Amino acid sequence: MIYRFRVVLDDDTDEDIFRDLEIRETDSLEDLHNCIAQSFGFDGLEMASFYLSDDEWNQGEEIPMLDLGEDAAARTMNSTIINEIIHEVQTKLIYVYDFLSMWTFYVELAEIVEEAEGTDYPNLMFVHGQLPDTAPEKTFEAENLDDFNDEFEDGLDIDDYDSLDFDEHWN
C-alpha cells in the first residue's frame, strides 16, 4: 500500500507552505525523512527527529535519526517501518529538521491507496509555497504576563543576590 502524506511547515505567515508526498507503507522513517528533506530543498545532513503526535498535535515519543542513548534500545528512523507507527488510527507526526534552526513540520497521513503501476516511490505529488530563508521563530505567549515577574512564590527576588542564601564563591 502507498501512504499519502501532507507535510506542512509550522509557520505563522499568511501563505501555507506544504508538500504532498507518496511513500510505501513498508519504507522506513529514514526514507520519509529523506523524502521530506529533499522536497523542501534541504540536503538531509542535519540531525532530525520524528515525534508521535495526537490529534491536537501534542508531541509524543521521539524517533531520532540516531540512538544517542547508552543502551541502544530506542527506536530510530532507519529501524522503524512507517506502518508500525502510522495507520488509520494514528495519523500524525511532528518532524523537526536541524535542531539549531528548528524547522518544524506537521506530517499527516491523508490517504492510503494502491500502488500505481509505473510510479517510482517515494513520489513528490504536489508543492505549494516557498520555504523562507530561515526557520520561523517560535513565539511563546503567557496568558497573563502579570503572573511572571522577578519574584518566586517564596518571596525571594532573584535579582537581589545579597538576600539569597548561598555562597557564590563556594568553589
N, C-alpha and C. Protein backbone atom coordinates (compact mmCIF):
# COMPACT_ATOMS: atom_id res chain seq x y z
N MET A 1 0.84 -1.18 0.00
CA MET A 1 0.00 0.00 0.00
C MET A 1 0.89 1.25 0.00
N ILE A 2 0.32 2.32 -0.49
CA ILE A 2 1.02 3.60 -0.57
C ILE A 2 0.36 4.58 0.41
N TYR A 3 1.21 5.23 1.20
CA TYR A 3 0.74 6.25 2.13
C TYR A 3 0.95 7.62 1.48
N ARG A 4 -0.10 8.41 1.48
CA ARG A 4 -0.01 9.79 1.01
C ARG A 4 -0.01 10.71 2.22
N PHE A 5 1.03 11.52 2.30
CA PHE A 5 1.20 12.44 3.42
C PHE A 5 1.14 13.88 2.94
N ARG A 6 0.58 14.73 3.77
CA ARG A 6 0.72 16.17 3.60
C ARG A 6 1.68 16.62 4.70
N VAL A 7 2.73 17.35 4.29
CA VAL A 7 3.76 17.84 5.20
C VAL A 7 3.70 19.37 5.17
N VAL A 8 3.33 19.97 6.31
CA VAL A 8 3.08 21.41 6.39
C VAL A 8 4.11 22.06 7.31
N LEU A 9 4.73 23.14 6.81
CA LEU A 9 5.66 23.90 7.64
C LEU A 9 4.89 24.60 8.74
N ASP A 10 5.37 24.46 9.99
CA ASP A 10 4.79 25.17 11.12
C ASP A 10 5.23 26.62 11.01
N ASP A 11 4.34 27.44 10.48
CA ASP A 11 4.70 28.81 10.15
C ASP A 11 3.51 29.72 10.41
N ASP A 12 3.80 30.92 10.89
CA ASP A 12 2.73 31.87 11.18
C ASP A 12 2.54 32.89 10.06
N THR A 13 3.06 32.62 8.87
CA THR A 13 2.89 33.56 7.77
C THR A 13 1.51 33.39 7.15
N ASP A 14 1.18 34.30 6.26
CA ASP A 14 -0.12 34.25 5.60
C ASP A 14 -0.20 33.14 4.57
N GLU A 15 0.94 32.73 4.03
CA GLU A 15 0.96 31.71 2.99
C GLU A 15 1.22 30.33 3.59
N ASP A 16 0.42 29.35 3.17
CA ASP A 16 0.67 27.97 3.57
C ASP A 16 1.83 27.43 2.76
N ILE A 17 2.67 26.65 3.42
CA ILE A 17 3.81 26.02 2.76
C ILE A 17 3.73 24.54 3.07
N PHE A 18 3.48 23.73 2.02
CA PHE A 18 3.34 22.29 2.25
C PHE A 18 3.76 21.49 1.03
N ARG A 19 3.95 20.19 1.27
CA ARG A 19 4.27 19.23 0.22
C ARG A 19 3.37 18.02 0.42
N ASP A 20 2.91 17.45 -0.69
CA ASP A 20 2.17 16.19 -0.67
C ASP A 20 3.08 15.11 -1.21
N LEU A 21 3.28 14.06 -0.43
CA LEU A 21 4.23 13.00 -0.75
C LEU A 21 3.54 11.65 -0.75
N GLU A 22 4.06 10.74 -1.54
CA GLU A 22 3.64 9.33 -1.51
C GLU A 22 4.86 8.49 -1.19
N ILE A 23 4.65 7.47 -0.36
CA ILE A 23 5.73 6.58 0.03
C ILE A 23 5.13 5.22 0.38
N ARG A 24 5.88 4.17 0.18
CA ARG A 24 5.39 2.83 0.53
C ARG A 24 5.25 2.70 2.04
N GLU A 25 4.21 2.02 2.47
CA GLU A 25 3.99 1.81 3.90
C GLU A 25 5.10 0.98 4.54
N THR A 26 5.84 0.23 3.74
CA THR A 26 6.91 -0.63 4.25
C THR A 26 8.27 0.04 4.22
N ASP A 27 8.32 1.31 3.79
CA ASP A 27 9.58 2.06 3.84
C ASP A 27 9.82 2.50 5.28
N SER A 28 11.04 2.91 5.56
CA SER A 28 11.39 3.34 6.92
C SER A 28 11.13 4.83 7.11
N LEU A 29 11.14 5.23 8.37
CA LEU A 29 11.03 6.66 8.67
C LEU A 29 12.24 7.42 8.11
N GLU A 30 13.37 6.75 7.98
CA GLU A 30 14.53 7.40 7.37
C GLU A 30 14.24 7.72 5.91
N ASP A 31 13.54 6.83 5.21
CA ASP A 31 13.13 7.11 3.83
C ASP A 31 12.19 8.31 3.79
N LEU A 32 11.26 8.38 4.74
CA LEU A 32 10.34 9.51 4.80
C LEU A 32 11.11 10.80 5.12
N HIS A 33 12.04 10.73 6.04
CA HIS A 33 12.90 11.88 6.37
C HIS A 33 13.60 12.39 5.13
N ASN A 34 14.21 11.49 4.36
CA ASN A 34 14.93 11.89 3.15
C ASN A 34 13.99 12.53 2.13
N CYS A 35 12.81 11.97 1.99
CA CYS A 35 11.82 12.49 1.06
C CYS A 35 11.37 13.90 1.47
N ILE A 36 11.09 14.09 2.75
CA ILE A 36 10.67 15.41 3.24
C ILE A 36 11.80 16.42 3.06
N ALA A 37 13.00 16.05 3.48
CA ALA A 37 14.14 16.97 3.38
C ALA A 37 14.37 17.40 1.93
N GLN A 38 14.37 16.47 1.02
CA GLN A 38 14.59 16.80 -0.39
C GLN A 38 13.46 17.64 -0.95
N SER A 39 12.22 17.35 -0.57
CA SER A 39 11.08 18.09 -1.12
C SER A 39 11.07 19.55 -0.69
N PHE A 40 11.70 19.85 0.45
CA PHE A 40 11.78 21.24 0.91
C PHE A 40 13.13 21.87 0.59
N GLY A 41 14.01 21.14 -0.10
CA GLY A 41 15.28 21.70 -0.54
C GLY A 41 16.42 21.60 0.45
N PHE A 42 16.29 20.77 1.47
CA PHE A 42 17.37 20.55 2.42
C PHE A 42 18.30 19.46 1.90
N ASP A 43 19.54 19.47 2.36
CA ASP A 43 20.47 18.43 1.94
C ASP A 43 20.29 17.13 2.73
N GLY A 44 19.57 17.19 3.83
CA GLY A 44 19.29 15.99 4.62
C GLY A 44 20.40 15.58 5.56
N LEU A 45 21.40 16.42 5.72
CA LEU A 45 22.56 16.06 6.53
C LEU A 45 22.47 16.51 7.98
N GLU A 46 21.51 17.35 8.31
CA GLU A 46 21.35 17.81 9.69
C GLU A 46 20.58 16.77 10.50
N MET A 47 20.75 16.83 11.81
CA MET A 47 20.01 15.94 12.69
C MET A 47 18.52 16.24 12.59
N ALA A 48 17.74 15.20 12.73
CA ALA A 48 16.28 15.35 12.65
C ALA A 48 15.63 14.27 13.51
N SER A 49 14.37 14.51 13.85
CA SER A 49 13.59 13.54 14.61
C SER A 49 12.13 13.63 14.20
N PHE A 50 11.48 12.49 14.29
CA PHE A 50 10.02 12.44 14.21
C PHE A 50 9.51 12.30 15.63
N TYR A 51 8.31 12.81 15.87
CA TYR A 51 7.64 12.66 17.16
C TYR A 51 6.23 12.16 16.88
N LEU A 52 5.82 11.13 17.59
CA LEU A 52 4.43 10.71 17.50
C LEU A 52 3.57 11.87 18.00
N SER A 53 2.38 12.00 17.46
CA SER A 53 1.52 13.11 17.83
C SER A 53 0.08 12.64 17.93
N ASP A 54 -0.67 13.32 18.80
CA ASP A 54 -2.10 13.04 18.89
C ASP A 54 -2.86 13.99 17.97
N ASP A 55 -4.17 13.97 18.04
CA ASP A 55 -4.99 14.79 17.16
C ASP A 55 -4.84 16.29 17.40
N GLU A 56 -4.34 16.69 18.56
CA GLU A 56 -4.13 18.11 18.87
C GLU A 56 -2.69 18.54 18.62
N TRP A 57 -1.91 17.69 17.99
CA TRP A 57 -0.50 17.95 17.65
C TRP A 57 0.37 18.08 18.90
N ASN A 58 0.06 17.35 19.94
CA ASN A 58 0.92 17.30 21.11
C ASN A 58 2.07 16.34 20.81
N GLN A 59 3.26 16.76 21.18
CA GLN A 59 4.46 15.98 20.89
C GLN A 59 4.56 14.79 21.81
N GLY A 60 4.75 13.60 21.22
CA GLY A 60 4.88 12.38 21.98
C GLY A 60 6.28 11.78 21.84
N GLU A 61 6.35 10.47 21.77
CA GLU A 61 7.62 9.75 21.71
C GLU A 61 8.47 10.22 20.54
N GLU A 62 9.76 10.40 20.83
CA GLU A 62 10.72 10.81 19.80
C GLU A 62 11.29 9.59 19.09
N ILE A 63 11.42 9.70 17.77
CA ILE A 63 12.11 8.69 16.97
C ILE A 63 13.20 9.42 16.20
N PRO A 64 14.44 9.41 16.73
CA PRO A 64 15.53 10.19 16.14
C PRO A 64 16.22 9.45 14.99
N MET A 65 17.11 10.18 14.32
CA MET A 65 17.93 9.57 13.27
C MET A 65 18.86 8.52 13.88
N LEU A 66 19.49 8.91 14.97
CA LEU A 66 20.46 8.05 15.63
C LEU A 66 20.07 7.84 17.08
N ASP A 67 20.38 6.67 17.61
CA ASP A 67 20.15 6.42 19.03
C ASP A 67 21.37 6.92 19.79
N LEU A 68 21.19 8.00 20.52
CA LEU A 68 22.30 8.58 21.27
C LEU A 68 22.34 8.09 22.72
N GLY A 69 21.44 7.18 23.07
CA GLY A 69 21.42 6.63 24.41
C GLY A 69 22.49 5.57 24.59
N GLU A 70 22.76 5.25 25.82
CA GLU A 70 23.80 4.28 26.13
C GLU A 70 23.37 2.85 25.88
N ASP A 71 22.08 2.56 26.02
CA ASP A 71 21.63 1.17 25.91
C ASP A 71 21.20 0.78 24.50
N ALA A 72 21.15 1.73 23.57
CA ALA A 72 20.76 1.48 22.18
C ALA A 72 19.41 0.78 22.07
N ALA A 73 18.49 1.11 22.96
CA ALA A 73 17.19 0.44 22.96
C ALA A 73 16.10 1.28 22.30
N ALA A 74 16.38 2.54 22.05
CA ALA A 74 15.36 3.42 21.48
C ALA A 74 15.15 3.12 20.00
N ARG A 75 13.95 3.41 19.53
CA ARG A 75 13.68 3.29 18.10
C ARG A 75 14.43 4.38 17.35
N THR A 76 14.87 4.06 16.16
CA THR A 76 15.50 5.05 15.30
C THR A 76 14.77 5.07 13.97
N MET A 77 15.03 6.10 13.18
CA MET A 77 14.35 6.23 11.88
C MET A 77 14.61 5.04 10.97
N ASN A 78 15.87 4.60 10.90
CA ASN A 78 16.19 3.52 9.96
C ASN A 78 15.66 2.16 10.40
N SER A 79 15.32 2.01 11.67
CA SER A 79 14.81 0.72 12.14
C SER A 79 13.29 0.72 12.34
N THR A 80 12.64 1.84 12.02
CA THR A 80 11.19 1.94 12.23
C THR A 80 10.49 2.01 10.87
N ILE A 81 9.64 1.04 10.63
CA ILE A 81 8.86 0.98 9.39
C ILE A 81 7.63 1.89 9.57
N ILE A 82 7.30 2.61 8.52
CA ILE A 82 6.23 3.61 8.61
C ILE A 82 4.93 3.01 9.14
N ASN A 83 4.52 1.85 8.61
CA ASN A 83 3.22 1.31 9.02
C ASN A 83 3.22 0.73 10.44
N GLU A 84 4.39 0.68 11.10
CA GLU A 84 4.44 0.28 12.50
C GLU A 84 3.92 1.38 13.42
N ILE A 85 4.00 2.63 12.97
CA ILE A 85 3.60 3.73 13.84
C ILE A 85 2.49 4.60 13.24
N ILE A 86 2.29 4.52 11.93
CA ILE A 86 1.25 5.32 11.27
C ILE A 86 0.24 4.37 10.65
N HIS A 87 -1.04 4.64 10.93
CA HIS A 87 -2.13 3.84 10.39
C HIS A 87 -3.40 4.66 10.51
N GLU A 88 -4.55 4.05 10.23
CA GLU A 88 -5.81 4.79 10.21
C GLU A 88 -6.14 5.47 11.54
N VAL A 89 -5.68 4.91 12.65
CA VAL A 89 -5.97 5.48 13.97
C VAL A 89 -4.92 6.51 14.37
N GLN A 90 -3.66 6.22 14.12
CA GLN A 90 -2.54 7.13 14.44
C GLN A 90 -2.06 7.74 13.13
N THR A 91 -2.46 8.98 12.84
CA THR A 91 -2.19 9.57 11.52
C THR A 91 -1.23 10.74 11.53
N LYS A 92 -0.76 11.17 12.69
CA LYS A 92 0.02 12.41 12.75
C LYS A 92 1.40 12.22 13.36
N LEU A 93 2.35 12.94 12.76
CA LEU A 93 3.72 13.01 13.27
C LEU A 93 4.15 14.47 13.24
N ILE A 94 5.08 14.80 14.11
CA ILE A 94 5.77 16.08 14.04
C ILE A 94 7.19 15.75 13.60
N TYR A 95 7.70 16.52 12.65
CA TYR A 95 9.05 16.30 12.12
C TYR A 95 9.86 17.57 12.36
N VAL A 96 11.00 17.42 13.03
CA VAL A 96 11.89 18.55 13.29
C VAL A 96 13.21 18.27 12.58
N TYR A 97 13.61 19.24 11.75
CA TYR A 97 14.85 19.13 10.98
C TYR A 97 15.80 20.24 11.40
N ASP A 98 17.05 19.89 11.66
CA ASP A 98 18.11 20.84 12.03
C ASP A 98 17.78 21.49 13.37
N PHE A 99 18.28 20.92 14.44
CA PHE A 99 17.93 21.36 15.78
C PHE A 99 18.50 22.73 16.14
N LEU A 100 19.40 23.27 15.32
CA LEU A 100 19.85 24.64 15.54
C LEU A 100 18.84 25.63 14.96
N SER A 101 18.25 25.29 13.82
CA SER A 101 17.26 26.17 13.19
C SER A 101 15.83 25.83 13.59
N MET A 102 15.61 24.58 13.98
CA MET A 102 14.30 24.11 14.43
C MET A 102 13.21 24.24 13.36
N TRP A 103 13.51 23.75 12.16
CA TRP A 103 12.47 23.65 11.14
C TRP A 103 11.47 22.61 11.62
N THR A 104 10.23 23.00 11.80
CA THR A 104 9.22 22.11 12.36
C THR A 104 8.09 21.93 11.35
N PHE A 105 7.71 20.67 11.14
CA PHE A 105 6.69 20.33 10.16
C PHE A 105 5.65 19.42 10.78
N TYR A 106 4.41 19.59 10.34
CA TYR A 106 3.33 18.69 10.72
C TYR A 106 3.13 17.71 9.57
N VAL A 107 3.20 16.43 9.88
CA VAL A 107 3.09 15.37 8.88
C VAL A 107 1.82 14.59 9.18
N GLU A 108 0.91 14.56 8.20
CA GLU A 108 -0.35 13.87 8.42
C GLU A 108 -0.66 12.93 7.28
N LEU A 109 -1.03 11.70 7.66
CA LEU A 109 -1.48 10.72 6.68
C LEU A 109 -2.81 11.18 6.12
N ALA A 110 -2.85 11.39 4.81
CA ALA A 110 -4.07 11.88 4.17
C ALA A 110 -4.88 10.74 3.57
N GLU A 111 -4.16 9.71 3.06
CA GLU A 111 -4.87 8.67 2.33
C GLU A 111 -3.96 7.45 2.20
N ILE A 112 -4.58 6.28 2.13
CA ILE A 112 -3.87 5.04 1.84
C ILE A 112 -4.45 4.51 0.53
N VAL A 113 -3.57 4.30 -0.47
CA VAL A 113 -4.03 3.90 -1.80
C VAL A 113 -3.22 2.71 -2.29
N GLU A 114 -3.69 2.11 -3.36
CA GLU A 114 -2.96 1.03 -4.02
C GLU A 114 -1.76 1.61 -4.75
N GLU A 115 -0.72 0.80 -4.88
CA GLU A 115 0.46 1.23 -5.62
C GLU A 115 0.11 1.36 -7.10
N ALA A 116 0.49 2.47 -7.70
CA ALA A 116 0.21 2.71 -9.12
C ALA A 116 1.34 2.14 -9.96
N GLU A 117 1.00 1.34 -10.93
CA GLU A 117 1.99 0.72 -11.80
C GLU A 117 2.75 1.79 -12.57
N GLY A 118 4.06 1.65 -12.60
CA GLY A 118 4.90 2.60 -13.34
C GLY A 118 5.31 3.83 -12.54
N THR A 119 4.85 3.95 -11.28
CA THR A 119 5.22 5.10 -10.45
C THR A 119 6.39 4.73 -9.56
N ASP A 120 7.38 5.61 -9.51
CA ASP A 120 8.52 5.42 -8.61
C ASP A 120 8.18 6.05 -7.26
N TYR A 121 8.50 5.32 -6.21
CA TYR A 121 8.25 5.80 -4.85
C TYR A 121 9.56 5.90 -4.11
N PRO A 122 9.71 6.87 -3.22
CA PRO A 122 8.77 7.92 -2.85
C PRO A 122 8.53 8.87 -4.02
N ASN A 123 7.37 9.54 -3.96
CA ASN A 123 6.93 10.39 -5.05
C ASN A 123 6.45 11.72 -4.49
N LEU A 124 7.03 12.80 -5.01
CA LEU A 124 6.57 14.14 -4.65
C LEU A 124 5.41 14.48 -5.56
N MET A 125 4.21 14.57 -4.99
CA MET A 125 3.00 14.78 -5.78
C MET A 125 2.68 16.25 -6.03
N PHE A 126 2.87 17.08 -4.99
CA PHE A 126 2.42 18.46 -5.10
C PHE A 126 3.27 19.36 -4.21
N VAL A 127 3.57 20.56 -4.70
CA VAL A 127 4.35 21.55 -3.97
C VAL A 127 3.54 22.84 -3.89
N HIS A 128 3.43 23.39 -2.68
CA HIS A 128 2.75 24.66 -2.51
C HIS A 128 3.58 25.55 -1.59
N GLY A 129 3.95 26.72 -2.08
CA GLY A 129 4.68 27.70 -1.27
C GLY A 129 6.17 27.47 -1.28
N GLN A 130 6.90 28.55 -1.04
CA GLN A 130 8.35 28.51 -0.98
C GLN A 130 8.82 28.60 0.47
N LEU A 131 9.81 27.79 0.78
CA LEU A 131 10.39 27.79 2.10
C LEU A 131 11.10 29.12 2.34
N PRO A 132 10.89 29.77 3.48
CA PRO A 132 11.63 31.01 3.77
C PRO A 132 13.12 30.72 3.96
N ASP A 133 13.92 31.78 3.93
CA ASP A 133 15.38 31.62 4.07
C ASP A 133 15.77 31.09 5.44
N THR A 134 15.00 31.45 6.45
CA THR A 134 15.29 30.98 7.81
C THR A 134 14.03 30.36 8.40
N ALA A 135 14.25 29.49 9.35
CA ALA A 135 13.12 28.82 10.02
C ALA A 135 12.28 29.86 10.76
N PRO A 136 10.97 29.69 10.75
CA PRO A 136 10.11 30.62 11.51
C PRO A 136 10.46 30.58 12.99
N GLU A 137 10.49 31.76 13.59
CA GLU A 137 10.77 31.83 15.03
C GLU A 137 9.54 31.44 15.80
N LYS A 138 9.77 30.74 16.88
CA LYS A 138 8.67 30.35 17.75
C LYS A 138 8.44 31.46 18.77
N THR A 139 7.20 31.84 18.93
CA THR A 139 6.85 32.82 19.95
C THR A 139 5.95 32.16 20.96
N PHE A 140 6.29 32.34 22.20
CA PHE A 140 5.51 31.76 23.28
C PHE A 140 4.93 32.91 24.08
N GLU A 141 3.64 32.89 24.22
CA GLU A 141 2.97 33.97 24.92
C GLU A 141 2.33 33.43 26.19
N ALA A 142 2.53 34.17 27.25
CA ALA A 142 1.89 33.81 28.51
C ALA A 142 0.45 34.31 28.48
N GLU A 143 -0.43 33.59 29.11
CA GLU A 143 -1.82 34.03 29.17
C GLU A 143 -1.96 35.32 29.97
N ASN A 144 -1.20 35.42 31.02
CA ASN A 144 -1.27 36.62 31.85
C ASN A 144 0.16 36.98 32.25
N LEU A 145 0.70 38.01 31.62
CA LEU A 145 2.08 38.38 31.88
C LEU A 145 2.31 38.85 33.31
N ASP A 146 1.27 39.27 34.00
CA ASP A 146 1.42 39.69 35.40
C ASP A 146 1.82 38.52 36.29
N ASP A 147 1.57 37.29 35.81
CA ASP A 147 1.93 36.12 36.60
C ASP A 147 3.43 35.87 36.58
N PHE A 148 4.13 36.50 35.65
CA PHE A 148 5.56 36.26 35.50
C PHE A 148 6.31 37.53 35.90
N ASN A 149 6.97 37.45 37.04
CA ASN A 149 7.77 38.59 37.48
C ASN A 149 9.04 38.04 38.12
N ASP A 150 9.81 38.92 38.72
CA ASP A 150 11.10 38.50 39.27
C ASP A 150 11.00 37.86 40.65
N GLU A 151 9.81 37.74 41.19
CA GLU A 151 9.67 37.11 42.49
C GLU A 151 9.02 35.75 42.36
N PHE A 152 9.58 34.80 43.08
CA PHE A 152 9.01 33.47 43.11
C PHE A 152 7.97 33.40 44.22
N GLU A 153 7.27 32.27 44.29
CA GLU A 153 6.24 32.11 45.31
C GLU A 153 6.79 32.23 46.72
N ASP A 154 8.09 31.94 46.89
CA ASP A 154 8.67 32.02 48.23
C ASP A 154 9.04 33.45 48.62
N GLY A 155 8.78 34.42 47.73
CA GLY A 155 9.02 35.82 48.05
C GLY A 155 10.44 36.28 47.79
N LEU A 156 11.31 35.41 47.30
CA LEU A 156 12.68 35.80 47.03
C LEU A 156 12.77 36.48 45.68
N ASP A 157 13.55 37.55 45.63
CA ASP A 157 13.79 38.27 44.39
C ASP A 157 15.11 37.76 43.81
N ILE A 158 15.07 37.16 42.63
CA ILE A 158 16.28 36.55 42.09
C ILE A 158 17.32 37.59 41.67
N ASP A 159 16.93 38.86 41.56
CA ASP A 159 17.89 39.91 41.23
C ASP A 159 18.57 40.48 42.47
N ASP A 160 18.08 40.12 43.65
CA ASP A 160 18.65 40.60 44.90
C ASP A 160 19.56 39.51 45.46
N TYR A 161 20.83 39.51 44.99
CA TYR A 161 21.77 38.44 45.34
C TYR A 161 22.13 38.44 46.82
N ASP A 162 22.13 39.60 47.46
CA ASP A 162 22.52 39.66 48.86
C ASP A 162 21.56 38.90 49.77
N SER A 163 20.28 38.82 49.38
CA SER A 163 19.31 38.15 50.23
C SER A 163 19.24 36.64 49.97
N LEU A 164 19.87 36.17 48.92
CA LEU A 164 19.84 34.74 48.62
C LEU A 164 20.81 34.02 49.53
N ASP A 165 20.44 32.83 49.96
CA ASP A 165 21.22 32.09 50.95
C ASP A 165 22.16 31.09 50.28
N PHE A 166 23.22 31.60 49.67
CA PHE A 166 24.23 30.72 49.12
C PHE A 166 25.54 31.47 49.01
N ASP A 167 26.62 30.73 48.98
CA ASP A 167 27.95 31.31 48.86
C ASP A 167 28.35 31.27 47.40
N GLU A 168 28.41 32.43 46.75
CA GLU A 168 28.72 32.46 45.33
C GLU A 168 30.17 32.06 45.05
N HIS A 169 31.01 32.01 46.06
CA HIS A 169 32.42 31.63 45.89
C HIS A 169 32.67 30.25 46.51
N TRP A 170 31.71 29.36 46.40
CA TRP A 170 31.80 28.05 47.05
C TRP A 170 32.89 27.17 46.45
N ASN A 171 33.29 27.43 45.27
CA ASN A 171 34.25 26.55 44.59
C ASN A 171 35.63 27.07 44.70
